[in-house]
Amino acid sequence: MKIYILFISGCSIVLLLSACWPGRDGSLQDKSLDKTAHASLTVSLNESLKTDALYKIVPAQNYTPENSEDSVKLMPLDVESGFIHVSFGNQAEKILQKFFKGSKDIILLELDPQVLQQHGLEIRKEQNKPGGDFFPHIYGVQKIPAKAVISVIKVVENSDGTWAVIK
């Protein structure tokens, strides 16, 4: 009986070590999650987003809902352009792939157009370049009020470069 318990304990230690072996950079990497486990924790981005809803994509640390009048620290591109870049649901994946490749802790903020307009902001659909797609841009004071955020969606980049919603 003791041998059996020691054997189980010994196997547990071996499994634990193989599941959390240091990576090349010295950090512990959890190798116990396979693709099946990852798939059960995520949902396809395109299946999860509303096609015509407005989404602002930012690093999670840029969103502070406690700041009721200015809940989102804008991206440098927003400040430089003089308007806030947002996307429709069917455009979010392309934006993530182009501007957030390799990024961690990214969120999509679903925005309420009526609340934005009540705060004096104007939403315009503008072509990004001749013959290009039309994207929603928000003009006015460069602040997104917390009341305008309908939902916060956490996303993760898959190994193939696509993005998925974390359940």
Foldseek 3Di string as FASTA:
>chain_A
DVVVVVVVVVVVVVVVCVQFPQDPVRHTDGPPQDPVNVPVQWAAQLVPFDQAWKKAKDAPVQAQQVQQWFGGDADPVCVVVQWGFIFGSVCVFVCCLPPVVPHARMKIFGFDPVVLVVVVKDWDFDAPDVVHGTTIIIHDPPGDGSVGGPDIWTWDADPVSTITTGD
